[in-house]
PDB file of N, CA and C in Angstrom:
ATOM      1  N   UNK A   1       0.845  -1.187   0.000  1.00  0.00           N
ATOM      2  CA  UNK A   1       0.000   0.000   0.000  1.00  0.00           C
ATOM      3  C   UNK A   1       0.883   1.241   0.000  1.00  0.00           C
ATOM      4  N   UNK A   2       0.593   2.163  -0.892  1.00  0.00           N
ATOM      5  CA  UNK A   2       1.405   3.371  -1.019  1.00  0.00           C
ATOM      6  C   UNK A   2       1.090   4.365   0.088  1.00  0.00           C
ATOM      7  N   UNK A   3       2.125   5.014   0.611  1.00  0.00           N
ATOM      8  CA  UNK A   3       1.920   5.996   1.667  1.00  0.00           C
ATOM      9  C   UNK A   3       1.495   7.349   1.112  1.00  0.00           C
ATOM     10  N   UNK A   4       1.916   7.666  -0.109  1.00  0.00           N
ATOM     11  CA  UNK A   4       1.527   8.920  -0.749  1.00  0.00           C
ATOM     12  C   UNK A   4       0.711   8.584  -1.989  1.00  0.00           C
ATOM     13  N   UNK A   5      -0.435   9.249  -2.120  1.00  0.00           N
ATOM     14  CA  UNK A   5      -1.347   8.975  -3.229  1.00  0.00           C
ATOM     15  C   UNK A   5      -1.646  10.260  -3.997  1.00  0.00           C
ATOM     16  N   UNK A   6      -2.238  10.093  -5.170  1.00  0.00           N
ATOM     17  CA  UNK A   6      -2.638  11.223  -5.990  1.00  0.00           C
ATOM     18  C   UNK A   6      -3.654  12.077  -5.224  1.00  0.00           C
ATOM     19  N   UNK A   7      -3.445  13.389  -5.229  1.00  0.00           N
ATOM     20  CA  UNK A   7      -4.355  14.300  -4.540  1.00  0.00           C
ATOM     21  C   UNK A   7      -3.898  14.696  -3.147  1.00  0.00           C
ATOM     22  N   UNK A   8      -2.877  14.023  -2.595  1.00  0.00           N
ATOM     23  CA  UNK A   8      -2.368  14.365  -1.269  1.00  0.00           C
ATOM     24  C   UNK A   8      -1.637  15.700  -1.291  1.00  0.00           C
ATOM     25  N   UNK A   9      -1.684  16.420  -0.174  1.00  0.00           N
ATOM     26  CA  UNK A   9      -0.932  17.654  -0.003  1.00  0.00           C
ATOM     27  C   UNK A   9       0.420  17.274   0.580  1.00  0.00           C
ATOM     28  N   UNK A  10       1.519  17.666  -0.093  1.00  0.00           N
ATOM     29  CA  UNK A  10       2.858  17.301   0.373  1.00  0.00           C
ATOM     30  C   UNK A  10       3.732  18.539   0.490  1.00  0.00           C
ATOM     31  N   UNK A  11       4.808  18.418   1.279  1.00  0.00           N
ATOM     32  CA  UNK A  11       5.803  19.475   1.427  1.00  0.00           C
ATOM     33  C   UNK A  11       7.151  18.901   1.016  1.00  0.00           C
ATOM     34  N   UNK A  12       7.949  19.691   0.291  1.00  0.00           N
ATOM     35  CA  UNK A  12       9.268  19.251  -0.152  1.00  0.00           C
ATOM     36  C   UNK A  12      10.246  19.459   0.994  1.00  0.00           C
ATOM     37  N   UNK A  13      10.998  18.397   1.343  1.00  0.00           N
ATOM     38  CA  UNK A  13      11.910  18.472   2.481  1.00  0.00           C
ATOM     39  C   UNK A  13      13.374  18.580   2.072  1.00  0.00           C
ATOM     40  N   UNK A  14      13.688  18.374   0.783  1.00  0.00           N
ATOM     41  CA  UNK A  14      15.059  18.565   0.320  1.00  0.00           C
ATOM     42  C   UNK A  14      15.068  18.865  -1.168  1.00  0.00           C
ATOM     43  N   UNK A  15      16.149  19.512  -1.602  1.00  0.00           N
ATOM     44  CA  UNK A  15      16.277  19.874  -3.006  1.00  0.00           C
ATOM     45  C   UNK A  15      16.101  21.372  -3.210  1.00  0.00           C
ATOM     46  N   UNK A  16      16.083  21.792  -4.464  1.00  0.00           N
ATOM     47  CA  UNK A  16      16.033  23.230  -4.757  1.00  0.00           C
ATOM     48  C   UNK A  16      14.698  23.870  -4.404  1.00  0.00           C
ATOM     49  N   UNK A  17      13.638  23.069  -4.278  1.00  0.00           N
ATOM     50  CA  UNK A  17      12.317  23.592  -3.928  1.00  0.00           C
ATOM     51  C   UNK A  17      11.950  23.319  -2.472  1.00  0.00           C
ATOM     52  N   UNK A  18      12.942  23.176  -1.604  1.00  0.00           N
ATOM     53  CA  UNK A  18      12.708  22.858  -0.195  1.00  0.00           C
ATOM     54  C   UNK A  18      11.773  23.877   0.446  1.00  0.00           C
ATOM     55  N   UNK A  19      10.730  23.370   1.145  1.00  0.00           N
ATOM     56  CA  UNK A  19       9.779  24.236   1.829  1.00  0.00           C
ATOM     57  C   UNK A  19       8.502  24.485   1.052  1.00  0.00           C
ATOM     58  N   UNK A  20       8.489  24.206  -0.247  1.00  0.00           N
ATOM     59  CA  UNK A  20       7.284  24.424  -1.048  1.00  0.00           C
ATOM     60  C   UNK A  20       6.283  23.303  -0.803  1.00  0.00           C
ATOM     61  N   UNK A  21       4.994  23.656  -0.904  1.00  0.00           N
ATOM     62  CA  UNK A  21       3.949  22.656  -0.774  1.00  0.00           C
ATOM     63  C   UNK A  21       3.143  22.599  -2.063  1.00  0.00           C
ATOM     64  N   UNK A  22       2.495  21.467  -2.286  1.00  0.00           N
ATOM     65  CA  UNK A  22       1.667  21.318  -3.467  1.00  0.00           C
ATOM     66  C   UNK A  22       0.921  19.998  -3.452  1.00  0.00           C
ATOM     67  N   UNK A  23      -0.018  19.844  -4.368  1.00  0.00           N
ATOM     68  CA  UNK A  23      -0.805  18.615  -4.496  1.00  0.00           C
ATOM     69  C   UNK A  23      -0.093  17.645  -5.425  1.00  0.00           C
ATOM     70  N   UNK A  24      -0.214  16.357  -5.124  1.00  0.00           N
ATOM     71  CA  UNK A  24       0.362  15.320  -5.969  1.00  0.00           C
ATOM     72  C   UNK A  24      -0.540  15.163  -7.194  1.00  0.00           C
ATOM     73  N   UNK A  25       0.025  15.368  -8.388  1.00  0.00           N
ATOM     74  CA  UNK A  25      -0.724  15.248  -9.630  1.00  0.00           C
ATOM     75  C   UNK A  25      -0.651  13.835 -10.197  1.00  0.00           C
ATOM     76  N   UNK A  26       0.489  13.167  -9.970  1.00  0.00           N
ATOM     77  CA  UNK A  26       0.706  11.851 -10.566  1.00  0.00           C
ATOM     78  C   UNK A  26       1.702  11.083  -9.713  1.00  0.00           C
ATOM     79  N   UNK A  27       1.503   9.769  -9.600  1.00  0.00           N
ATOM     80  CA  UNK A  27       2.425   8.893  -8.892  1.00  0.00           C
ATOM     81  C   UNK A  27       3.016   7.927  -9.905  1.00  0.00           C
ATOM     82  N   UNK A  28       4.349   7.921 -10.001  1.00  0.00           N
ATOM     83  CA  UNK A  28       5.053   7.019 -10.914  1.00  0.00           C
ATOM     84  C   UNK A  28       5.658   5.892 -10.071  1.00  0.00           C
ATOM     85  N   UNK A  29       4.915   4.792  -9.917  1.00  0.00           N
ATOM     86  CA  UNK A  29       5.308   3.706  -9.025  1.00  0.00           C
ATOM     87  C   UNK A  29       6.613   3.033  -9.425  1.00  0.00           C
ATOM     88  N   UNK A  30       6.809   2.819 -10.726  1.00  0.00           N
ATOM     89  CA  UNK A  30       7.975   2.066 -11.183  1.00  0.00           C
ATOM     90  C   UNK A  30       9.297   2.757 -10.864  1.00  0.00           C
ATOM     91  N   UNK A  31       9.309   4.104 -10.815  1.00  0.00           N
ATOM     92  CA  UNK A  31      10.544   4.833 -10.532  1.00  0.00           C
ATOM     93  C   UNK A  31      10.532   5.533  -9.171  1.00  0.00           C
ATOM     94  N   UNK A  32       9.523   5.263  -8.333  1.00  0.00           N
ATOM     95  CA  UNK A  32       9.402   5.876  -6.997  1.00  0.00           C
ATOM     96  C   UNK A  32       9.441   7.401  -7.053  1.00  0.00           C
ATOM     97  N   UNK A  33       8.699   7.970  -7.994  1.00  0.00           N
ATOM     98  CA  UNK A  33       8.684   9.418  -8.144  1.00  0.00           C
ATOM     99  C   UNK A  33       7.265   9.957  -8.170  1.00  0.00           C
ATOM    100  N   UNK A  34       7.144  11.259  -7.908  1.00  0.00           N
ATOM    101  CA  UNK A  34       5.851  11.944  -7.896  1.00  0.00           C
ATOM    102  C   UNK A  34       5.941  13.193  -8.753  1.00  0.00           C
ATOM    103  N   UNK A  35       4.828  13.585  -9.338  1.00  0.00           N
ATOM    104  CA  UNK A  35       4.725  14.888  -9.996  1.00  0.00           C
ATOM    105  C   UNK A  35       3.870  15.746  -9.078  1.00  0.00           C
ATOM    106  N   UNK A  36       4.476  16.837  -8.566  1.00  0.00           N
ATOM    107  CA  UNK A  36       3.813  17.700  -7.594  1.00  0.00           C
ATOM    108  C   UNK A  36       3.548  19.056  -8.234  1.00  0.00           C
ATOM    109  N   UNK A  37       2.352  19.574  -8.012  1.00  0.00           N
ATOM    110  CA  UNK A  37       1.920  20.852  -8.586  1.00  0.00           C
ATOM    111  C   UNK A  37       2.800  22.000  -8.082  1.00  0.00           C
ATOM    112  N   UNK A  38       3.432  22.737  -9.020  1.00  0.00           N
ATOM    113  CA  UNK A  38       4.233  23.908  -8.677  1.00  0.00           C
ATOM    114  C   UNK A  38       5.621  23.616  -8.155  1.00  0.00           C
ATOM    115  N   UNK A  39       6.051  22.357  -8.193  1.00  0.00           N
ATOM    116  CA  UNK A  39       7.355  21.967  -7.659  1.00  0.00           C
ATOM    117  C   UNK A  39       8.176  21.333  -8.781  1.00  0.00           C
ATOM    118  N   UNK A  40       9.505  21.578  -8.759  1.00  0.00           N
ATOM    119  CA  UNK A  40      10.431  20.977  -9.727  1.00  0.00           C
ATOM    120  C   UNK A  40      10.051  21.378 -11.156  1.00  0.00           C
ATOM    121  N   UNK A  41       9.806  22.679 -11.355  1.00  0.00           N
ATOM    122  CA  UNK A  41       9.409  23.158 -12.682  1.00  0.00           C
ATOM    123  C   UNK A  41      10.642  23.290 -13.573  1.00  0.00           C
ATOM    124  N   UNK A  42      10.528  22.764 -14.794  1.00  0.00           N
ATOM    125  CA  UNK A  42      11.615  22.823 -15.758  1.00  0.00           C
ATOM    126  C   UNK A  42      11.079  23.392 -17.069  1.00  0.00           C
ATOM    127  N   UNK A  43      11.982  23.982 -17.873  1.00  0.00           N
ATOM    128  CA  UNK A  43      11.563  24.486 -19.179  1.00  0.00           C
ATOM    129  C   UNK A  43      11.696  23.374 -20.193  1.00  0.00           C
ATOM    130  N   UNK A  44      10.684  23.223 -21.024  1.00  0.00           N
ATOM    131  CA  UNK A  44      10.656  22.174 -22.023  1.00  0.00           C
ATOM    132  C   UNK A  44      10.458  22.819 -23.387  1.00  0.00           C
ATOM    133  N   UNK A  45      11.293  22.442 -24.332  1.00  0.00           N
ATOM    134  CA  UNK A  45      11.195  22.969 -25.685  1.00  0.00           C
ATOM    135  C   UNK A  45      10.411  21.973 -26.524  1.00  0.00           C
ATOM    136  N   UNK A  46       9.287  22.418 -27.089  1.00  0.00           N
ATOM    137  CA  UNK A  46       8.476  21.540 -27.918  1.00  0.00           C
ATOM    138  C   UNK A  46       8.564  21.991 -29.370  1.00  0.00           C
ATOM    139  N   UNK A  47       8.541  21.011 -30.258  1.00  0.00           N
ATOM    140  CA  UNK A  47       8.693  21.264 -31.687  1.00  0.00           C
ATOM    141  C   UNK A  47       7.508  22.073 -32.223  1.00  0.00           C
ATOM    142  N   UNK A  48       7.795  23.018 -33.092  1.00  0.00           N
ATOM    143  CA  UNK A  48       6.759  23.856 -33.679  1.00  0.00           C
ATOM    144  C   UNK A  48       5.985  23.041 -34.711  1.00  0.00           C
ATOM    145  N   UNK A  49       4.652  23.132 -34.629  1.00  0.00           N
ATOM    146  CA  UNK A  49       3.793  22.432 -35.565  1.00  0.00           C
ATOM    147  C   UNK A  49       2.528  23.226 -35.766  1.00  0.00           C
ATOM    148  N   UNK A  50       1.522  22.599 -36.376  1.00  0.00           N
ATOM    149  CA  UNK A  50       0.250  23.276 -36.573  1.00  0.00           C
ATOM    150  C   UNK A  50      -0.885  22.364 -36.115  1.00  0.00           C
ATOM    151  N   UNK A  51      -1.898  22.971 -35.506  1.00  0.00           N
ATOM    152  CA  UNK A  51      -3.072  22.207 -35.097  1.00  0.00           C
ATOM    153  C   UNK A  51      -4.034  22.090 -36.274  1.00  0.00           C
ATOM    154  N   UNK A  52      -5.154  21.430 -36.081  1.00  0.00           N
ATOM    155  CA  UNK A  52      -6.153  21.225 -37.139  1.00  0.00           C
ATOM    156  C   UNK A  52      -6.677  22.550 -37.689  1.00  0.00           C
ATOM    157  N   UNK A  53      -6.787  23.552 -36.842  1.00  0.00           N
ATOM    158  CA  UNK A  53      -7.359  24.844 -37.252  1.00  0.00           C
ATOM    159  C   UNK A  53      -6.319  25.791 -37.838  1.00  0.00           C
ATOM    160  N   UNK A  54      -5.069  25.357 -37.848  1.00  0.00           N
ATOM    161  CA  UNK A  54      -4.022  26.195 -38.437  1.00  0.00           C
ATOM    162  C   UNK A  54      -3.260  27.031 -37.431  1.00  0.00           C
ATOM    163  N   UNK A  55      -3.586  26.913 -36.149  1.00  0.00           N
ATOM    164  CA  UNK A  55      -2.878  27.671 -35.120  1.00  0.00           C
ATOM    165  C   UNK A  55      -1.506  27.033 -34.876  1.00  0.00           C
ATOM    166  N   UNK A  56      -0.531  27.871 -34.592  1.00  0.00           N
ATOM    167  CA  UNK A  56       0.811  27.352 -34.341  1.00  0.00           C
ATOM    168  C   UNK A  56       0.902  26.784 -32.924  1.00  0.00           C
ATOM    169  N   UNK A  57       1.605  25.671 -32.805  1.00  0.00           N
ATOM    170  CA  UNK A  57       1.856  25.056 -31.503  1.00  0.00           C
ATOM    171  C   UNK A  57       3.357  24.987 -31.291  1.00  0.00           C
ATOM    172  N   UNK A  58       3.762  24.677 -30.074  1.00  0.00           N
ATOM    173  CA  UNK A  58       5.182  24.522 -29.790  1.00  0.00           C
ATOM    174  C   UNK A  58       5.775  25.749 -29.148  1.00  0.00           C
ATOM    175  N   UNK A  59       7.078  25.682 -28.903  1.00  0.00           N
ATOM    176  CA  UNK A  59       7.785  26.770 -28.253  1.00  0.00           C
ATOM    177  C   UNK A  59       8.341  26.328 -26.921  1.00  0.00           C
ATOM    178  N   UNK A  60       8.553  27.281 -26.027  1.00  0.00           N
ATOM    179  CA  UNK A  60       9.110  26.988 -24.707  1.00  0.00           C
ATOM    180  C   UNK A  60       7.987  27.051 -23.683  1.00  0.00           C
ATOM    181  N   UNK A  61       7.859  25.990 -22.888  1.00  0.00           N
ATOM    182  CA  UNK A  61       6.848  25.963 -21.831  1.00  0.00           C
ATOM    183  C   UNK A  61       7.475  25.397 -20.566  1.00  0.00           C
ATOM    184  N   UNK A  62       6.917  25.754 -19.409  1.00  0.00           N
ATOM    185  CA  UNK A  62       7.412  25.214 -18.141  1.00  0.00           C
ATOM    186  C   UNK A  62       6.444  24.149 -17.655  1.00  0.00           C
ATOM    187  N   UNK A  63       6.990  23.007 -17.265  1.00  0.00           N
ATOM    188  CA  UNK A  63       6.192  21.885 -16.787  1.00  0.00           C
ATOM    189  C   UNK A  63       6.813  21.339 -15.501  1.00  0.00           C
ATOM    190  N   UNK A  64       6.012  20.585 -14.743  1.00  0.00           N
ATOM    191  CA  UNK A  64       6.511  19.967 -13.530  1.00  0.00           C
ATOM    192  C   UNK A  64       7.220  18.662 -13.878  1.00  0.00           C
ATOM    193  N   UNK A  65       8.431  18.498 -13.353  1.00  0.00           N
ATOM    194  CA  UNK A  65       9.182  17.266 -13.553  1.00  0.00           C
ATOM    195  C   UNK A  65       8.980  16.378 -12.322  1.00  0.00           C
ATOM    196  N   UNK A  66       9.181  15.069 -12.458  1.00  0.00           N
ATOM    197  CA  UNK A  66       9.025  14.173 -11.306  1.00  0.00           C
ATOM    198  C   UNK A  66      10.075  14.439 -10.227  1.00  0.00           C
ATOM    199  N   UNK A  67       9.678  14.246  -8.982  1.00  0.00           N
ATOM    200  CA  UNK A  67      10.570  14.401  -7.830  1.00  0.00           C
ATOM    201  C   UNK A  67      10.538  13.083  -7.057  1.00  0.00           C
ATOM    202  N   UNK A  68      11.667  12.690  -6.478  1.00  0.00           N
ATOM    203  CA  UNK A  68      11.716  11.407  -5.781  1.00  0.00           C
ATOM    204  C   UNK A  68      10.856  11.446  -4.519  1.00  0.00           C
ATOM    205  N   UNK A  69      10.219  10.318  -4.234  1.00  0.00           N
ATOM    206  CA  UNK A  69       9.271  10.226  -3.121  1.00  0.00           C
ATOM    207  C   UNK A  69       9.954  10.467  -1.769  1.00  0.00           C
ATOM    208  N   UNK A  70      11.256  10.216  -1.668  1.00  0.00           N
ATOM    209  CA  UNK A  70      11.965  10.420  -0.405  1.00  0.00           C
ATOM    210  C   UNK A  70      12.190  11.891  -0.100  1.00  0.00           C
ATOM    211  N   UNK A  71      11.981  12.765  -1.076  1.00  0.00           N
ATOM    212  CA  UNK A  71      12.203  14.197  -0.880  1.00  0.00           C
ATOM    213  C   UNK A  71      10.945  14.956  -0.488  1.00  0.00           C
ATOM    214  N   UNK A  72       9.841  14.250  -0.235  1.00  0.00           N
ATOM    215  CA  UNK A  72       8.600  14.905   0.176  1.00  0.00           C
ATOM    216  C   UNK A  72       8.008  14.216   1.409  1.00  0.00           C
ATOM    217  N   UNK A  73       7.174  14.963   2.129  1.00  0.00           N
ATOM    218  CA  UNK A  73       6.427  14.438   3.279  1.00  0.00           C
ATOM    219  C   UNK A  73       4.983  14.889   3.146  1.00  0.00           C
ATOM    220  N   UNK A  74       4.078  14.074   3.625  1.00  0.00           N
ATOM    221  CA  UNK A  74       2.670  14.455   3.640  1.00  0.00           C
ATOM    222  C   UNK A  74       2.463  15.553   4.677  1.00  0.00           C
ATOM    223  N   UNK A  75       1.611  16.521   4.338  1.00  0.00           N
ATOM    224  CA  UNK A  75       1.297  17.613   5.262  1.00  0.00           C
ATOM    225  C   UNK A  75       0.234  17.137   6.241  1.00  0.00           C
ATOM    226  N   UNK A  76       0.496  17.333   7.541  1.00  0.00           N
ATOM    227  CA  UNK A  76      -0.451  16.965   8.588  1.00  0.00           C
ATOM    228  C   UNK A  76      -1.682  17.856   8.488  1.00  0.00           C
ATOM    229  N   UNK A  77      -2.895  17.276   8.478  1.00  0.00           N
ATOM    230  CA  UNK A  77      -4.103  18.098   8.333  1.00  0.00           C
ATOM    231  C   UNK A  77      -4.345  19.061   9.500  1.00  0.00           C
ATOM    232  N   UNK A  78      -3.768  18.769  10.651  1.00  0.00           N
ATOM    233  CA  UNK A  78      -4.003  19.614  11.825  1.00  0.00           C
ATOM    234  C   UNK A  78      -2.929  20.685  12.007  1.00  0.00           C
ATOM    235  N   UNK A  79      -1.653  20.296  11.956  1.00  0.00           N
ATOM    236  CA  UNK A  79      -0.564  21.233  12.236  1.00  0.00           C
ATOM    237  C   UNK A  79      -0.003  21.918  11.002  1.00  0.00           C
ATOM    238  N   UNK A  80      -0.362  21.439   9.806  1.00  0.00           N
ATOM    239  CA  UNK A  80       0.117  21.985   8.531  1.00  0.00           C
ATOM    240  C   UNK A  80       1.632  21.871   8.391  1.00  0.00           C
ATOM    241  N   UNK A  81       2.239  20.876   9.057  1.00  0.00           N
ATOM    242  CA  UNK A  81       3.662  20.593   8.931  1.00  0.00           C
ATOM    243  C   UNK A  81       3.824  19.184   8.381  1.00  0.00           C
ATOM    244  N   UNK A  82       5.039  18.841   7.989  1.00  0.00           N
ATOM    245  CA  UNK A  82       5.296  17.507   7.458  1.00  0.00           C
ATOM    246  C   UNK A  82       5.128  16.436   8.519  1.00  0.00           C
ATOM    247  N   UNK A  83       4.666  15.257   8.110  1.00  0.00           N
ATOM    248  CA  UNK A  83       4.467  14.165   9.047  1.00  0.00           C
ATOM    249  C   UNK A  83       4.744  12.833   8.368  1.00  0.00           C
ATOM    250  N   UNK A  84       5.060  11.837   9.185  1.00  0.00           N
ATOM    251  CA  UNK A  84       5.184  10.482   8.681  1.00  0.00           C
ATOM    252  C   UNK A  84       3.798   9.850   8.663  1.00  0.00           C
ATOM    253  N   UNK A  85       3.679   8.723   7.964  1.00  0.00           N
ATOM    254  CA  UNK A  85       2.383   8.081   7.804  1.00  0.00           C
ATOM    255  C   UNK A  85       2.388   6.719   8.486  1.00  0.00           C
ATOM    256  N   UNK A  86       1.328   6.460   9.247  1.00  0.00           N
ATOM    257  CA  UNK A  86       1.117   5.153   9.849  1.00  0.00           C
ATOM    258  C   UNK A  86      -0.227   4.614   9.410  1.00  0.00           C
ATOM    259  N   UNK A  87      -0.551   3.421   9.869  1.00  0.00           N
ATOM    260  CA  UNK A  87      -1.823   2.805   9.489  1.00  0.00           C
ATOM    261  C   UNK A  87      -2.579   2.331  10.716  1.00  0.00           C
ATOM    262  N   UNK A  88      -3.907   2.363  10.602  1.00  0.00           N
ATOM    263  CA  UNK A  88      -4.786   1.851  11.652  1.00  0.00           C
ATOM    264  C   UNK A  88      -5.773   0.927  10.964  1.00  0.00           C
ATOM    265  N   UNK A  89      -5.974  -0.237  11.558  1.00  0.00           N
ATOM    266  CA  UNK A  89      -6.935  -1.174  10.990  1.00  0.00           C
ATOM    267  C   UNK A  89      -8.280  -1.001  11.677  1.00  0.00           C
ATOM    268  N   UNK A  90      -9.328  -1.058  10.870  1.00  0.00           N
ATOM    269  CA  UNK A  90     -10.679  -0.836  11.373  1.00  0.00           C
ATOM    270  C   UNK A  90     -11.622  -1.858  10.740  1.00  0.00           C
ATOM    271  N   UNK A  91     -12.555  -2.352  11.542  1.00  0.00           N
ATOM    272  CA  UNK A  91     -13.556  -3.299  11.045  1.00  0.00           C
ATOM    273  C   UNK A  91     -14.749  -2.517  10.502  1.00  0.00           C
ATOM    274  N   UNK A  92     -15.082  -2.758   9.230  1.00  0.00           N
ATOM    275  CA  UNK A  92     -16.200  -2.082   8.587  1.00  0.00           C
ATOM    276  C   UNK A  92     -17.185  -3.139   8.125  1.00  0.00           C
ATOM    277  N   UNK A  93     -18.480  -2.868   8.345  1.00  0.00           N
ATOM    278  CA  UNK A  93     -19.505  -3.826   7.922  1.00  0.00           C
ATOM    279  C   UNK A  93     -20.204  -3.309   6.678  1.00  0.00           C
ATOM    280  N   UNK A  94     -20.131  -4.104   5.601  1.00  0.00           N
ATOM    281  CA  UNK A  94     -20.795  -3.763   4.341  1.00  0.00           C
ATOM    282  C   UNK A  94     -21.560  -4.981   3.848  1.00  0.00           C
ATOM    283  N   UNK A  95     -22.814  -4.784   3.536  1.00  0.00           N
ATOM    284  CA  UNK A  95     -23.669  -5.854   2.998  1.00  0.00           C
ATOM    285  C   UNK A  95     -23.684  -7.083   3.909  1.00  0.00           C
ATOM    286  N   UNK A  96     -23.663  -6.868   5.202  1.00  0.00           N
ATOM    287  CA  UNK A  96     -23.722  -7.984   6.140  1.00  0.00           C
ATOM    288  C   UNK A  96     -22.388  -8.672   6.394  1.00  0.00           C
ATOM    289  N   UNK A  97     -21.322  -8.205   5.773  1.00  0.00           N
ATOM    290  CA  UNK A  97     -19.989  -8.789   5.960  1.00  0.00           C
ATOM    291  C   UNK A  97     -19.096  -7.809   6.694  1.00  0.00           C
ATOM    292  N   UNK A  98     -18.209  -8.336   7.522  1.00  0.00           N
ATOM    293  CA  UNK A  98     -17.226  -7.474   8.169  1.00  0.00           C
ATOM    294  C   UNK A  98     -15.930  -7.548   7.375  1.00  0.00           C
ATOM    295  N   UNK A  99     -15.345  -6.397   7.143  1.00  0.00           N
ATOM    296  CA  UNK A  99     -14.138  -6.312   6.344  1.00  0.00           C
ATOM    297  C   UNK A  99     -13.128  -5.440   7.082  1.00  0.00           C
ATOM    298  N   UNK A 100     -11.852  -5.832   7.032  1.00  0.00           N
ATOM    299  CA  UNK A 100     -10.801  -5.050   7.664  1.00  0.00           C
ATOM    300  C   UNK A 100     -10.285  -4.024   6.665  1.00  0.00           C
ATOM    301  N   UNK A 101     -10.288  -2.747   7.065  1.00  0.00           N
ATOM    302  CA  UNK A 101      -9.850  -1.650   6.208  1.00  0.00           C
ATOM    303  C   UNK A 101      -8.664  -0.968   6.880  1.00  0.00           C
ATOM    304  N   UNK A 102      -7.619  -0.671   6.086  1.00  0.00           N
ATOM    305  CA  UNK A 102      -6.453   0.053   6.605  1.00  0.00           C
ATOM    306  C   UNK A 102      -6.621   1.539   6.302  1.00  0.00           C
ATOM    307  N   UNK A 103      -6.494   2.373   7.330  1.00  0.00           N
ATOM    308  CA  UNK A 103      -6.682   3.814   7.207  1.00  0.00           C
ATOM    309  C   UNK A 103      -5.350   4.493   7.487  1.00  0.00           C
ATOM    310  N   UNK A 104      -4.964   5.449   6.609  1.00  0.00           N
ATOM    311  CA  UNK A 104      -3.713   6.186   6.811  1.00  0.00           C
ATOM    312  C   UNK A 104      -3.890   7.203   7.936  1.00  0.00           C
ATOM    313  N   UNK A 105      -2.886   7.277   8.816  1.00  0.00           N
ATOM    314  CA  UNK A 105      -2.937   8.145   9.988  1.00  0.00           C
ATOM    315  C   UNK A 105      -1.657   8.968  10.045  1.00  0.00           C
ATOM    316  N   UNK A 106      -1.764  10.271  10.374  1.00  0.00           N
ATOM    317  CA  UNK A 106      -0.602  11.129  10.559  1.00  0.00           C
ATOM    318  C   UNK A 106       0.051  10.804  11.890  1.00  0.00           C
ATOM    319  N   UNK A 107       1.353  10.515  11.877  1.00  0.00           N
ATOM    320  CA  UNK A 107       2.075  10.173  13.108  1.00  0.00           C
ATOM    321  C   UNK A 107       2.198  11.382  14.052  1.00  0.00           C
ATOM    322  N   UNK A 108       2.258  12.586  13.498  1.00  0.00           N
ATOM    323  CA  UNK A 108       2.447  13.782  14.304  1.00  0.00           C
ATOM    324  C   UNK A 108       1.241  14.075  15.200  1.00  0.00           C
ATOM    325  N   UNK A 109       0.034  14.011  14.622  1.00  0.00           N
ATOM    326  CA  UNK A 109      -1.157  14.386  15.382  1.00  0.00           C
ATOM    327  C   UNK A 109      -2.110  13.231  15.648  1.00  0.00           C
ATOM    328  N   UNK A 110      -1.993  12.138  14.929  1.00  0.00           N
ATOM    329  CA  UNK A 110      -2.883  11.014  15.102  1.00  0.00           C
ATOM    330  C   UNK A 110      -4.191  11.130  14.317  1.00  0.00           C
ATOM    331  N   UNK A 111      -4.332  12.173  13.497  1.00  0.00           N
ATOM    332  CA  UNK A 111      -5.541  12.386  12.709  1.00  0.00           C
ATOM    333  C   UNK A 111      -5.486  11.577  11.426  1.00  0.00           C
ATOM    334  N   UNK A 112      -6.674  11.240  10.881  1.00  0.00           N
ATOM    335  CA  UNK A 112      -6.760  10.521   9.610  1.00  0.00           C
ATOM    336  C   UNK A 112      -6.336  11.418   8.450  1.00  0.00           C
ATOM    337  N   UNK A 113      -5.712  10.819   7.460  1.00  0.00           N
ATOM    338  CA  UNK A 113      -5.302  11.573   6.273  1.00  0.00           C
ATOM    339  C   UNK A 113      -6.310  11.320   5.165  1.00  0.00           C
TER     340      UNK A 113
END
């Protein structure tokens, strides 16, 4: 089970963007990297072409590059600081069956993420 998921609020703890916060846009499991909104922005040169309507495309644009998962921490919902993630197991009853569900918990405050 992944500790950081798409849509989580994270803070960068090392690198050139240290201290910035943003939402996780994409999780790249195979390379242990994340794409975070507003973090690790790089300039990308795209080839000039034409769209169906004849408008020109391409040029220089800034996009978010992937950042390694070890360089970010989830933001605690209560203290708004970085926190580690733990799990709590809970019994949930659905359709007459009991099922064990794992819930992510902030280690700093003990609140659900």
